[in-house]
């Protein structure tokens, strides 16, 4: 969970500033995805896939509920 001050700072940013920050973080952290043995790297990517699938499922469920309520 982020601190209230951090959230407030993010909210004051323009969309382009938030995008720039996101791209910088991706660039800085991508090399770490490939560190470790091939099994460790595979597990990292499998975890990312699972987290993305769960997030997508959650959003689709919320959209379906919203659509039903209209």
PDB file of N, CA and C in Angstrom:
ATOM      1  N   UNK A   1       0.836  -1.177   0.000  1.00  0.00           N
ATOM      2  CA  UNK A   1       0.000   0.000   0.000  1.00  0.00           C
ATOM      3  C   UNK A   1       0.881   1.241   0.000  1.00  0.00           C
ATOM      4  N   UNK A   2       0.505   2.206  -0.777  1.00  0.00           N
ATOM      5  CA  UNK A   2       1.272   3.433  -0.881  1.00  0.00           C
ATOM      6  C   UNK A   2       0.845   4.428   0.200  1.00  0.00           C
ATOM      7  N   UNK A   3       1.790   5.273   0.592  1.00  0.00           N
ATOM      8  CA  UNK A   3       1.476   6.320   1.562  1.00  0.00           C
ATOM      9  C   UNK A   3       0.506   7.331   0.939  1.00  0.00           C
ATOM     10  N   UNK A   4      -0.256   7.972   1.771  1.00  0.00           N
ATOM     11  CA  UNK A   4      -1.217   8.980   1.299  1.00  0.00           C
ATOM     12  C   UNK A   4      -0.519  10.096   0.523  1.00  0.00           C
ATOM     13  N   UNK A   5       0.676  10.475   0.981  1.00  0.00           N
ATOM     14  CA  UNK A   5       1.413  11.545   0.306  1.00  0.00           C
ATOM     15  C   UNK A   5       1.819  11.111  -1.107  1.00  0.00           C
ATOM     16  N   UNK A   6       2.230   9.853  -1.226  1.00  0.00           N
ATOM     17  CA  UNK A   6       2.634   9.334  -2.536  1.00  0.00           C
ATOM     18  C   UNK A   6       1.446   9.295  -3.479  1.00  0.00           C
ATOM     19  N   UNK A   7       0.310   8.824  -2.978  1.00  0.00           N
ATOM     20  CA  UNK A   7      -0.900   8.792  -3.801  1.00  0.00           C
ATOM     21  C   UNK A   7      -1.301  10.198  -4.235  1.00  0.00           C
ATOM     22  N   UNK A   8      -1.211  11.142  -3.320  1.00  0.00           N
ATOM     23  CA  UNK A   8      -1.558  12.524  -3.657  1.00  0.00           C
ATOM     24  C   UNK A   8      -0.622  13.063  -4.733  1.00  0.00           C
ATOM     25  N   UNK A   9       0.656  12.722  -4.624  1.00  0.00           N
ATOM     26  CA  UNK A   9       1.625  13.176  -5.633  1.00  0.00           C
ATOM     27  C   UNK A   9       1.288  12.582  -7.000  1.00  0.00           C
ATOM     28  N   UNK A  10       0.953  11.295  -7.039  1.00  0.00           N
ATOM     29  CA  UNK A  10       0.584  10.660  -8.302  1.00  0.00           C
ATOM     30  C   UNK A  10      -0.661  11.299  -8.911  1.00  0.00           C
ATOM     31  N   UNK A  11      -1.611  11.662  -8.061  1.00  0.00           N
ATOM     32  CA  UNK A  11      -2.852  12.278  -8.555  1.00  0.00           C
ATOM     33  C   UNK A  11      -2.612  13.662  -9.145  1.00  0.00           C
ATOM     34  N   UNK A  12      -1.590  14.345  -8.643  1.00  0.00           N
ATOM     35  CA  UNK A  12      -1.270  15.675  -9.170  1.00  0.00           C
ATOM     36  C   UNK A  12      -0.526  15.602 -10.503  1.00  0.00           C
ATOM     37  N   UNK A  13       0.003  14.439 -10.825  1.00  0.00           N
ATOM     38  CA  UNK A  13       0.748  14.285 -12.083  1.00  0.00           C
ATOM     39  C   UNK A  13      -0.205  14.280 -13.275  1.00  0.00           C
ATOM     40  N   UNK A  14       0.312  14.742 -14.382  1.00  0.00           N
ATOM     41  CA  UNK A  14      -0.455  14.641 -15.625  1.00  0.00           C
ATOM     42  C   UNK A  14      -0.355  13.201 -16.125  1.00  0.00           C
ATOM     43  N   UNK A  15      -1.257  12.801 -17.006  1.00  0.00           N
ATOM     44  CA  UNK A  15      -1.152  11.447 -17.570  1.00  0.00           C
ATOM     45  C   UNK A  15       0.214  11.190 -18.220  1.00  0.00           C
ATOM     46  N   UNK A  16       0.761  12.190 -18.900  1.00  0.00           N
ATOM     47  CA  UNK A  16       2.065  11.983 -19.545  1.00  0.00           C
ATOM     48  C   UNK A  16       3.176  11.800 -18.502  1.00  0.00           C
ATOM     49  N   UNK A  17       3.075  12.478 -17.373  1.00  0.00           N
ATOM     50  CA  UNK A  17       4.068  12.303 -16.314  1.00  0.00           C
ATOM     51  C   UNK A  17       3.970  10.907 -15.705  1.00  0.00           C
ATOM     52  N   UNK A  18       2.741  10.432 -15.492  1.00  0.00           N
ATOM     53  CA  UNK A  18       2.567   9.078 -14.959  1.00  0.00           C
ATOM     54  C   UNK A  18       3.065   8.028 -15.945  1.00  0.00           C
ATOM     55  N   UNK A  19       2.812   8.238 -17.230  1.00  0.00           N
ATOM     56  CA  UNK A  19       3.312   7.317 -18.243  1.00  0.00           C
ATOM     57  C   UNK A  19       4.834   7.306 -18.245  1.00  0.00           C
ATOM     58  N   UNK A  20       5.443   8.474 -18.188  1.00  0.00           N
ATOM     59  CA  UNK A  20       6.905   8.558 -18.163  1.00  0.00           C
ATOM     60  C   UNK A  20       7.466   7.818 -16.960  1.00  0.00           C
ATOM     61  N   UNK A  21       6.864   7.996 -15.799  1.00  0.00           N
ATOM     62  CA  UNK A  21       7.313   7.301 -14.595  1.00  0.00           C
ATOM     63  C   UNK A  21       7.186   5.785 -14.777  1.00  0.00           C
ATOM     64  N   UNK A  22       6.085   5.343 -15.340  1.00  0.00           N
ATOM     65  CA  UNK A  22       5.866   3.919 -15.591  1.00  0.00           C
ATOM     66  C   UNK A  22       6.930   3.358 -16.528  1.00  0.00           C
ATOM     67  N   UNK A  23       7.186   4.064 -17.608  1.00  0.00           N
ATOM     68  CA  UNK A  23       8.191   3.592 -18.564  1.00  0.00           C
ATOM     69  C   UNK A  23       9.585   3.548 -17.952  1.00  0.00           C
ATOM     70  N   UNK A  24       9.903   4.519 -17.100  1.00  0.00           N
ATOM     71  CA  UNK A  24      11.197   4.520 -16.416  1.00  0.00           C
ATOM     72  C   UNK A  24      11.318   3.310 -15.491  1.00  0.00           C
ATOM     73  N   UNK A  25      10.256   3.010 -14.755  1.00  0.00           N
ATOM     74  CA  UNK A  25      10.290   1.865 -13.846  1.00  0.00           C
ATOM     75  C   UNK A  25      10.416   0.556 -14.617  1.00  0.00           C
ATOM     76  N   UNK A  26       9.727   0.448 -15.738  1.00  0.00           N
ATOM     77  CA  UNK A  26       9.845  -0.751 -16.567  1.00  0.00           C
ATOM     78  C   UNK A  26      11.275  -0.913 -17.053  1.00  0.00           C
ATOM     79  N   UNK A  27      11.859   0.169 -17.555  1.00  0.00           N
ATOM     80  CA  UNK A  27      13.225   0.117 -18.072  1.00  0.00           C
ATOM     81  C   UNK A  27      14.223  -0.278 -16.986  1.00  0.00           C
ATOM     82  N   UNK A  28      14.035   0.269 -15.782  1.00  0.00           N
ATOM     83  CA  UNK A  28      14.952  -0.022 -14.682  1.00  0.00           C
ATOM     84  C   UNK A  28      14.838  -1.465 -14.198  1.00  0.00           C
ATOM     85  N   UNK A  29      13.633  -2.016 -14.214  1.00  0.00           N
ATOM     86  CA  UNK A  29      13.408  -3.316 -13.581  1.00  0.00           C
ATOM     87  C   UNK A  29      13.379  -4.509 -14.518  1.00  0.00           C
ATOM     88  N   UNK A  30      13.241  -4.286 -15.808  1.00  0.00           N
ATOM     89  CA  UNK A  30      13.174  -5.404 -16.757  1.00  0.00           C
ATOM     90  C   UNK A  30      14.389  -6.328 -16.683  1.00  0.00           C
ATOM     91  N   UNK A  31      15.614  -5.812 -16.585  1.00  0.00           N
ATOM     92  CA  UNK A  31      16.763  -6.728 -16.537  1.00  0.00           C
ATOM     93  C   UNK A  31      16.679  -7.755 -15.396  1.00  0.00           C
ATOM     94  N   UNK A  32      16.056  -7.384 -14.280  1.00  0.00           N
ATOM     95  CA  UNK A  32      15.976  -8.282 -13.130  1.00  0.00           C
ATOM     96  C   UNK A  32      15.064  -9.478 -13.400  1.00  0.00           C
ATOM     97  N   UNK A  33      14.171  -9.363 -14.363  1.00  0.00           N
ATOM     98  CA  UNK A  33      13.313 -10.494 -14.704  1.00  0.00           C
ATOM     99  C   UNK A  33      14.130 -11.669 -15.237  1.00  0.00           C
ATOM    100  N   UNK A  34      15.270 -11.378 -15.810  1.00  0.00           N
ATOM    101  CA  UNK A  34      16.075 -12.405 -16.472  1.00  0.00           C
ATOM    102  C   UNK A  34      17.250 -12.895 -15.618  1.00  0.00           C
ATOM    103  N   UNK A  35      17.354 -12.410 -14.387  1.00  0.00           N
ATOM    104  CA  UNK A  35      18.416 -12.877 -13.496  1.00  0.00           C
ATOM    105  C   UNK A  35      18.006 -14.190 -12.855  1.00  0.00           C
ATOM    106  N   UNK A  36      18.944 -15.085 -12.691  1.00  0.00           N
ATOM    107  CA  UNK A  36      18.687 -16.362 -12.040  1.00  0.00           C
ATOM    108  C   UNK A  36      18.777 -17.507 -13.023  1.00  0.00           C
ATOM    109  N   UNK A  37      18.505 -18.691 -12.497  1.00  0.00           N
ATOM    110  CA  UNK A  37      18.532 -19.872 -13.347  1.00  0.00           C
ATOM    111  C   UNK A  37      17.338 -19.847 -14.289  1.00  0.00           C
ATOM    112  N   UNK A  38      17.362 -20.702 -15.284  1.00  0.00           N
ATOM    113  CA  UNK A  38      16.236 -20.731 -16.227  1.00  0.00           C
ATOM    114  C   UNK A  38      14.937 -21.112 -15.502  1.00  0.00           C
ATOM    115  N   UNK A  39      15.030 -21.976 -14.478  1.00  0.00           N
ATOM    116  CA  UNK A  39      13.825 -22.322 -13.710  1.00  0.00           C
ATOM    117  C   UNK A  39      13.296 -21.118 -12.938  1.00  0.00           C
ATOM    118  N   UNK A  40      14.195 -20.321 -12.363  1.00  0.00           N
ATOM    119  CA  UNK A  40      13.775 -19.132 -11.634  1.00  0.00           C
ATOM    120  C   UNK A  40      13.128 -18.123 -12.571  1.00  0.00           C
ATOM    121  N   UNK A  41      13.710 -17.933 -13.732  1.00  0.00           N
ATOM    122  CA  UNK A  41      13.153 -16.999 -14.713  1.00  0.00           C
ATOM    123  C   UNK A  41      11.774 -17.488 -15.155  1.00  0.00           C
ATOM    124  N   UNK A  42      11.646 -18.785 -15.428  1.00  0.00           N
ATOM    125  CA  UNK A  42      10.351 -19.355 -15.819  1.00  0.00           C
ATOM    126  C   UNK A  42       9.306 -19.120 -14.739  1.00  0.00           C
ATOM    127  N   UNK A  43       9.696 -19.309 -13.467  1.00  0.00           N
ATOM    128  CA  UNK A  43       8.743 -19.100 -12.359  1.00  0.00           C
ATOM    129  C   UNK A  43       8.321 -17.637 -12.266  1.00  0.00           C
ATOM    130  N   UNK A  44       9.268 -16.719 -12.494  1.00  0.00           N
ATOM    131  CA  UNK A  44       8.920 -15.284 -12.462  1.00  0.00           C
ATOM    132  C   UNK A  44       7.862 -14.968 -13.514  1.00  0.00           C
ATOM    133  N   UNK A  45       8.074 -15.468 -14.731  1.00  0.00           N
ATOM    134  CA  UNK A  45       7.134 -15.168 -15.800  1.00  0.00           C
ATOM    135  C   UNK A  45       5.800 -15.882 -15.594  1.00  0.00           C
ATOM    136  N   UNK A  46       5.834 -17.072 -15.027  1.00  0.00           N
ATOM    137  CA  UNK A  46       4.585 -17.769 -14.726  1.00  0.00           C
ATOM    138  C   UNK A  46       3.786 -16.993 -13.684  1.00  0.00           C
ATOM    139  N   UNK A  47       4.461 -16.465 -12.680  1.00  0.00           N
ATOM    140  CA  UNK A  47       3.781 -15.653 -11.662  1.00  0.00           C
ATOM    141  C   UNK A  47       3.190 -14.395 -12.292  1.00  0.00           C
ATOM    142  N   UNK A  48       3.930 -13.746 -13.167  1.00  0.00           N
ATOM    143  CA  UNK A  48       3.398 -12.566 -13.863  1.00  0.00           C
ATOM    144  C   UNK A  48       2.154 -12.914 -14.673  1.00  0.00           C
ATOM    145  N   UNK A  49       2.202 -14.053 -15.379  1.00  0.00           N
ATOM    146  CA  UNK A  49       1.036 -14.476 -16.163  1.00  0.00           C
ATOM    147  C   UNK A  49      -0.171 -14.732 -15.265  1.00  0.00           C
ATOM    148  N   UNK A  50       0.059 -15.421 -14.137  1.00  0.00           N
ATOM    149  CA  UNK A  50      -1.042 -15.706 -13.207  1.00  0.00           C
ATOM    150  C   UNK A  50      -1.646 -14.416 -12.658  1.00  0.00           C
ATOM    151  N   UNK A  51      -0.782 -13.482 -12.262  1.00  0.00           N
ATOM    152  CA  UNK A  51      -1.268 -12.206 -11.724  1.00  0.00           C
ATOM    153  C   UNK A  51      -2.044 -11.429 -12.786  1.00  0.00           C
ATOM    154  N   UNK A  52      -1.537 -11.417 -14.005  1.00  0.00           N
ATOM    155  CA  UNK A  52      -2.239 -10.717 -15.092  1.00  0.00           C
ATOM    156  C   UNK A  52      -3.573 -11.375 -15.393  1.00  0.00           C
ATOM    157  N   UNK A  53      -3.599 -12.719 -15.438  1.00  0.00           N
ATOM    158  CA  UNK A  53      -4.849 -13.439 -15.693  1.00  0.00           C
ATOM    159  C   UNK A  53      -5.883 -13.144 -14.610  1.00  0.00           C
ATOM    160  N   UNK A  54      -5.441 -13.134 -13.358  1.00  0.00           N
ATOM    161  CA  UNK A  54      -6.355 -12.852 -12.247  1.00  0.00           C
ATOM    162  C   UNK A  54      -6.892 -11.420 -12.331  1.00  0.00           C
ATOM    163  N   UNK A  55      -6.021 -10.478 -12.642  1.00  0.00           N
ATOM    164  CA  UNK A  55      -6.443  -9.079 -12.765  1.00  0.00           C
ATOM    165  C   UNK A  55      -7.446  -8.932 -13.909  1.00  0.00           C
ATOM    166  N   UNK A  56      -7.165  -9.571 -15.041  1.00  0.00           N
ATOM    167  CA  UNK A  56      -8.081  -9.504 -16.180  1.00  0.00           C
ATOM    168  C   UNK A  56      -9.430 -10.140 -15.841  1.00  0.00           C
ATOM    169  N   UNK A  57      -9.402 -11.289 -15.143  1.00  0.00           N
ATOM    170  CA  UNK A  57     -10.643 -11.953 -14.757  1.00  0.00           C
ATOM    171  C   UNK A  57     -11.466 -11.044 -13.844  1.00  0.00           C
ATOM    172  N   UNK A  58     -10.787 -10.411 -12.910  1.00  0.00           N
ATOM    173  CA  UNK A  58     -11.466  -9.500 -11.978  1.00  0.00           C
ATOM    174  C   UNK A  58     -12.130  -8.334 -12.717  1.00  0.00           C
ATOM    175  N   UNK A  59     -11.401  -7.752 -13.662  1.00  0.00           N
ATOM    176  CA  UNK A  59     -11.959  -6.621 -14.417  1.00  0.00           C
ATOM    177  C   UNK A  59     -13.150  -7.069 -15.266  1.00  0.00           C
ATOM    178  N   UNK A  60     -13.043  -8.238 -15.877  1.00  0.00           N
ATOM    179  CA  UNK A  60     -14.149  -8.736 -16.701  1.00  0.00           C
ATOM    180  C   UNK A  60     -15.386  -9.011 -15.848  1.00  0.00           C
ATOM    181  N   UNK A  61     -15.183  -9.559 -14.653  1.00  0.00           N
ATOM    182  CA  UNK A  61     -16.317  -9.786 -13.747  1.00  0.00           C
ATOM    183  C   UNK A  61     -16.968  -8.470 -13.340  1.00  0.00           C
ATOM    184  N   UNK A  62     -16.147  -7.472 -13.025  1.00  0.00           N
ATOM    185  CA  UNK A  62     -16.688  -6.167 -12.631  1.00  0.00           C
ATOM    186  C   UNK A  62     -17.455  -5.532 -13.784  1.00  0.00           C
ATOM    187  N   UNK A  63     -16.925  -5.645 -14.993  1.00  0.00           N
ATOM    188  CA  UNK A  63     -17.627  -5.101 -16.163  1.00  0.00           C
ATOM    189  C   UNK A  63     -18.945  -5.824 -16.402  1.00  0.00           C
ATOM    190  N   UNK A  64     -18.941  -7.129 -16.237  1.00  0.00           N
ATOM    191  CA  UNK A  64     -20.171  -7.903 -16.428  1.00  0.00           C
ATOM    192  C   UNK A  64     -21.218  -7.508 -15.390  1.00  0.00           C
ATOM    193  N   UNK A  65     -20.814  -7.340 -14.139  1.00  0.00           N
ATOM    194  CA  UNK A  65     -21.752  -6.917 -13.092  1.00  0.00           C
ATOM    195  C   UNK A  65     -22.292  -5.525 -13.376  1.00  0.00           C
ATOM    196  N   UNK A  66     -21.418  -4.642 -13.830  1.00  0.00           N
ATOM    197  CA  UNK A  66     -21.842  -3.281 -14.147  1.00  0.00           C
ATOM    198  C   UNK A  66     -22.852  -3.305 -15.288  1.00  0.00           C
ATOM    199  N   UNK A  67     -22.578  -4.117 -16.300  1.00  0.00           N
ATOM    200  CA  UNK A  67     -23.459  -4.200 -17.450  1.00  0.00           C
ATOM    201  C   UNK A  67     -24.831  -4.755 -17.042  1.00  0.00           C
ATOM    202  N   UNK A  68     -24.841  -5.747 -16.153  1.00  0.00           N
ATOM    203  CA  UNK A  68     -26.099  -6.321 -15.675  1.00  0.00           C
ATOM    204  C   UNK A  68     -26.918  -5.329 -14.858  1.00  0.00           C
ATOM    205  N   UNK A  69     -26.244  -4.425 -14.181  1.00  0.00           N
ATOM    206  CA  UNK A  69     -26.946  -3.471 -13.314  1.00  0.00           C
ATOM    207  C   UNK A  69     -27.555  -2.307 -14.097  1.00  0.00           C
ATOM    208  N   UNK A  70     -27.217  -2.171 -15.365  1.00  0.00           N
ATOM    209  CA  UNK A  70     -27.701  -1.046 -16.143  1.00  0.00           C
ATOM    210  C   UNK A  70     -29.035  -1.334 -16.715  1.00  0.00           C
TER     211      UNK A  70
END
